[in-house]
Every structure is written in C-alpha cells, then in structure tokens.
N, C-alpha and C. Protein backbone atom coordinates (compact mmCIF):
# COMPACT_ATOMS: atom_id res chain seq x y z
N MET A 1 18.31 -12.28 12.94
CA MET A 1 17.19 -12.40 13.85
C MET A 1 16.39 -11.09 13.80
N ASN A 2 15.08 -11.24 13.65
CA ASN A 2 14.25 -10.05 13.55
C ASN A 2 13.57 -9.74 14.89
N LYS A 3 12.78 -8.69 14.88
CA LYS A 3 12.14 -8.19 16.11
C LYS A 3 11.26 -9.25 16.77
N ASP A 4 10.45 -9.94 15.99
CA ASP A 4 9.57 -10.96 16.56
C ASP A 4 10.36 -12.09 17.20
N GLU A 5 11.45 -12.48 16.56
CA GLU A 5 12.27 -13.55 17.13
C GLU A 5 12.88 -13.12 18.46
N LEU A 6 13.39 -11.90 18.51
CA LEU A 6 13.99 -11.39 19.74
C LEU A 6 12.95 -11.25 20.85
N GLU A 7 11.82 -10.67 20.52
CA GLU A 7 10.76 -10.50 21.52
C GLU A 7 10.25 -11.86 21.98
N GLY A 8 10.18 -12.81 21.09
CA GLY A 8 9.74 -14.15 21.45
C GLY A 8 10.70 -14.81 22.42
N LYS A 9 11.99 -14.67 22.17
CA LYS A 9 13.00 -15.23 23.08
C LYS A 9 12.88 -14.58 24.46
N ALA A 10 12.69 -13.28 24.48
CA ALA A 10 12.56 -12.58 25.76
C ALA A 10 11.32 -13.06 26.51
N LYS A 11 10.22 -13.24 25.79
CA LYS A 11 8.97 -13.70 26.41
C LYS A 11 9.13 -15.12 26.95
N GLU A 12 9.84 -15.95 26.19
CA GLU A 12 10.11 -17.32 26.65
C GLU A 12 10.92 -17.30 27.95
N ALA A 13 11.95 -16.46 27.99
CA ALA A 13 12.80 -16.36 29.18
C ALA A 13 11.99 -15.85 30.37
N GLN A 14 11.18 -14.85 30.13
CA GLN A 14 10.32 -14.29 31.18
C GLN A 14 9.38 -15.38 31.71
N GLY A 15 8.83 -16.15 30.80
CA GLY A 15 7.94 -17.23 31.20
C GLY A 15 8.64 -18.29 32.03
N GLY A 16 9.88 -18.59 31.64
CA GLY A 16 10.65 -19.56 32.40
C GLY A 16 10.91 -19.08 33.82
N LEU A 17 11.20 -17.80 33.95
CA LEU A 17 11.42 -17.23 35.28
C LEU A 17 10.15 -17.27 36.12
N LYS A 18 9.03 -16.89 35.50
CA LYS A 18 7.75 -16.92 36.22
C LYS A 18 7.42 -18.34 36.67
N GLU A 19 7.60 -19.28 35.76
CA GLU A 19 7.29 -20.66 36.09
C GLU A 19 8.18 -21.16 37.23
N SER A 20 9.46 -20.85 37.17
CA SER A 20 10.38 -21.26 38.24
C SER A 20 10.00 -20.63 39.58
N LEU A 21 9.66 -19.37 39.54
CA LEU A 21 9.24 -18.68 40.76
C LEU A 21 7.96 -19.32 41.32
N GLY A 22 7.06 -19.64 40.43
CA GLY A 22 5.83 -20.32 40.84
C GLY A 22 6.12 -21.67 41.46
N ASN A 23 7.07 -22.40 40.88
CA ASN A 23 7.46 -23.70 41.44
C ASN A 23 8.05 -23.53 42.84
N LEU A 24 8.91 -22.53 42.98
CA LEU A 24 9.57 -22.31 44.28
C LEU A 24 8.59 -21.91 45.37
N THR A 25 7.59 -21.12 44.99
CA THR A 25 6.65 -20.60 45.99
C THR A 25 5.38 -21.44 46.10
N GLY A 26 5.23 -22.41 45.21
CA GLY A 26 4.01 -23.21 45.21
C GLY A 26 2.80 -22.48 44.64
N ASN A 27 3.05 -21.39 43.93
CA ASN A 27 1.99 -20.58 43.34
C ASN A 27 1.61 -21.17 41.98
N GLU A 28 0.51 -21.90 41.94
CA GLU A 28 0.09 -22.56 40.70
C GLU A 28 -0.29 -21.57 39.61
N GLN A 29 -0.87 -20.45 39.99
CA GLN A 29 -1.25 -19.45 38.99
C GLN A 29 -0.01 -18.88 38.31
N LEU A 30 1.03 -18.60 39.08
CA LEU A 30 2.27 -18.08 38.52
C LEU A 30 2.93 -19.13 37.63
N GLN A 31 2.86 -20.39 38.04
CA GLN A 31 3.37 -21.47 37.21
C GLN A 31 2.66 -21.50 35.85
N ALA A 32 1.34 -21.42 35.90
CA ALA A 32 0.53 -21.47 34.68
C ALA A 32 0.81 -20.26 33.79
N GLU A 33 0.93 -19.08 34.41
CA GLU A 33 1.25 -17.87 33.63
C GLU A 33 2.61 -18.02 32.96
N GLY A 34 3.57 -18.57 33.70
CA GLY A 34 4.90 -18.78 33.13
C GLY A 34 4.87 -19.71 31.94
N LYS A 35 4.14 -20.81 32.08
CA LYS A 35 4.02 -21.76 30.97
C LYS A 35 3.36 -21.09 29.76
N ALA A 36 2.32 -20.32 30.02
CA ALA A 36 1.62 -19.62 28.93
C ALA A 36 2.55 -18.61 28.25
N ASP A 37 3.33 -17.89 29.04
CA ASP A 37 4.27 -16.92 28.47
C ASP A 37 5.32 -17.63 27.60
N LYS A 38 5.77 -18.78 28.06
CA LYS A 38 6.75 -19.53 27.28
C LYS A 38 6.17 -19.96 25.93
N VAL A 39 4.95 -20.45 25.96
CA VAL A 39 4.29 -20.87 24.71
C VAL A 39 4.08 -19.67 23.79
N GLU A 40 3.63 -18.56 24.36
CA GLU A 40 3.43 -17.34 23.57
C GLU A 40 4.74 -16.88 22.95
N GLY A 41 5.81 -16.91 23.73
CA GLY A 41 7.12 -16.50 23.22
C GLY A 41 7.61 -17.41 22.12
N LYS A 42 7.40 -18.71 22.30
CA LYS A 42 7.80 -19.67 21.27
C LYS A 42 7.05 -19.40 19.97
N ALA A 43 5.74 -19.15 20.09
CA ALA A 43 4.92 -18.87 18.91
C ALA A 43 5.37 -17.58 18.22
N GLN A 44 5.67 -16.56 19.00
CA GLN A 44 6.12 -15.30 18.41
C GLN A 44 7.46 -15.49 17.70
N GLY A 45 8.34 -16.25 18.30
CA GLY A 45 9.63 -16.53 17.67
C GLY A 45 9.46 -17.27 16.36
N LEU A 46 8.57 -18.26 16.35
CA LEU A 46 8.31 -19.00 15.11
C LEU A 46 7.69 -18.11 14.05
N LEU A 47 6.81 -17.23 14.47
CA LEU A 47 6.21 -16.27 13.53
C LEU A 47 7.31 -15.41 12.90
N GLY A 48 8.25 -14.98 13.71
CA GLY A 48 9.36 -14.19 13.19
C GLY A 48 10.20 -14.96 12.19
N LYS A 49 10.45 -16.24 12.48
CA LYS A 49 11.22 -17.07 11.55
C LYS A 49 10.48 -17.26 10.24
N VAL A 50 9.18 -17.51 10.32
CA VAL A 50 8.37 -17.68 9.11
C VAL A 50 8.38 -16.39 8.28
N GLY A 51 8.23 -15.27 8.96
CA GLY A 51 8.26 -13.99 8.25
C GLY A 51 9.58 -13.76 7.54
N GLU A 52 10.67 -14.12 8.21
CA GLU A 52 12.00 -13.98 7.61
C GLU A 52 12.14 -14.87 6.38
N LYS A 53 11.66 -16.10 6.48
CA LYS A 53 11.73 -17.03 5.35
C LYS A 53 10.87 -16.54 4.18
N LEU A 54 9.69 -15.99 4.49
CA LEU A 54 8.84 -15.46 3.42
C LEU A 54 9.51 -14.28 2.73
N HIS A 55 10.17 -13.43 3.51
CA HIS A 55 10.88 -12.29 2.94
C HIS A 55 12.00 -12.79 2.01
N GLU A 56 12.75 -13.78 2.47
CA GLU A 56 13.83 -14.34 1.64
C GLU A 56 13.28 -14.94 0.36
N ALA A 57 12.18 -15.67 0.47
CA ALA A 57 11.57 -16.29 -0.72
C ALA A 57 11.08 -15.22 -1.69
N ALA A 58 10.50 -14.15 -1.18
CA ALA A 58 10.02 -13.07 -2.04
C ALA A 58 11.18 -12.42 -2.78
N GLU A 59 12.30 -12.25 -2.10
CA GLU A 59 13.48 -11.68 -2.75
C GLU A 59 13.99 -12.59 -3.86
N GLN A 60 13.99 -13.89 -3.62
CA GLN A 60 14.43 -14.85 -4.63
C GLN A 60 13.51 -14.82 -5.85
N VAL A 61 12.22 -14.74 -5.60
CA VAL A 61 11.26 -14.67 -6.71
C VAL A 61 11.48 -13.39 -7.51
N LYS A 62 11.71 -12.29 -6.82
CA LYS A 62 11.94 -11.00 -7.48
C LYS A 62 13.19 -11.07 -8.35
N GLU A 63 14.26 -11.64 -7.80
CA GLU A 63 15.50 -11.77 -8.57
C GLU A 63 15.31 -12.67 -9.78
N ALA A 64 14.59 -13.76 -9.62
CA ALA A 64 14.34 -14.68 -10.73
C ALA A 64 13.51 -14.01 -11.81
N ALA A 65 12.53 -13.23 -11.41
CA ALA A 65 11.69 -12.52 -12.38
C ALA A 65 12.50 -11.48 -13.14
N GLN A 66 13.37 -10.78 -12.45
CA GLN A 66 14.23 -9.79 -13.11
C GLN A 66 15.16 -10.47 -14.11
N HIS A 67 15.73 -11.60 -13.71
CA HIS A 67 16.63 -12.35 -14.59
C HIS A 67 15.88 -12.84 -15.83
N ALA A 68 14.67 -13.37 -15.63
CA ALA A 68 13.88 -13.85 -16.75
C ALA A 68 13.51 -12.71 -17.69
N SER A 69 13.21 -11.55 -17.13
CA SER A 69 12.87 -10.39 -17.94
C SER A 69 14.07 -9.95 -18.79
N GLU A 70 15.22 -9.94 -18.16
CA GLU A 70 16.44 -9.55 -18.89
C GLU A 70 16.74 -10.54 -20.01
N LYS A 71 16.60 -11.83 -19.75
CA LYS A 71 16.84 -12.85 -20.78
C LYS A 71 15.84 -12.72 -21.93
N ALA A 72 14.59 -12.44 -21.59
CA ALA A 72 13.56 -12.29 -22.63
C ALA A 72 13.89 -11.08 -23.51
N LYS A 73 14.34 -10.00 -22.90
CA LYS A 73 14.71 -8.81 -23.65
C LYS A 73 15.89 -9.10 -24.58
N GLU A 74 16.89 -9.81 -24.06
CA GLU A 74 18.05 -10.17 -24.88
C GLU A 74 17.63 -11.03 -26.06
N THR A 75 16.76 -11.98 -25.81
CA THR A 75 16.29 -12.88 -26.88
C THR A 75 15.53 -12.10 -27.95
N ARG A 76 14.67 -11.17 -27.52
CA ARG A 76 13.93 -10.35 -28.49
C ARG A 76 14.90 -9.52 -29.33
N GLU A 77 15.89 -8.93 -28.69
CA GLU A 77 16.85 -8.09 -29.41
C GLU A 77 17.68 -8.91 -30.40
N GLU A 78 18.00 -10.15 -30.04
CA GLU A 78 18.79 -11.00 -30.93
C GLU A 78 17.99 -11.42 -32.16
N HIS A 79 16.70 -11.53 -32.05
CA HIS A 79 15.86 -12.01 -33.15
C HIS A 79 15.17 -10.91 -33.93
N GLN A 80 15.50 -9.67 -33.66
CA GLN A 80 14.93 -8.56 -34.44
C GLN A 80 15.74 -8.40 -35.71
N PRO A 81 15.05 -8.14 -36.84
CA PRO A 81 15.77 -7.98 -38.11
C PRO A 81 16.55 -6.71 -38.19
C-alpha cells in the first residue's frame, strides 16, 4: 500500500465520521462534507492503486527489455565467425 492509498483510506474514514456526525446532529452541510470527503478519499485510494499497477507494469517492461537485449547479444555472439 502506497502513500496515496493510505491517505485515501484516512480521508474516507474521516468523511464517514463527518457524515455520521452530521446525521446525528441533523447538520446537512456536515453530512454533505462527509460524503464529499469519502468520495475524495476513494478517488485518492484508486489513484494510488493505479500508480502502483503502472509502476509494476513499468518494471515488467524493463525486465522484458533487458532479457530481450541479453538474448539478442547472445544470438549475435553465436553467429559471429
């Protein structure tokens, strides 16, 4: 779990608390802020997950390129007179 995912979870939890407090007190503005915070937290968490997946994919591409380069070098060396 990366920073964005953690911060997103915290923001979601904070939003849930705000929304609950708004429900208990009948404060519609606090309810709305809580809902907005929850959505913002969810979005930040998803952004963190996407970033993590992109990082993993980039690492896989890098490893595949290195492997292909090594194989090409071996092939060239095998076919040199």
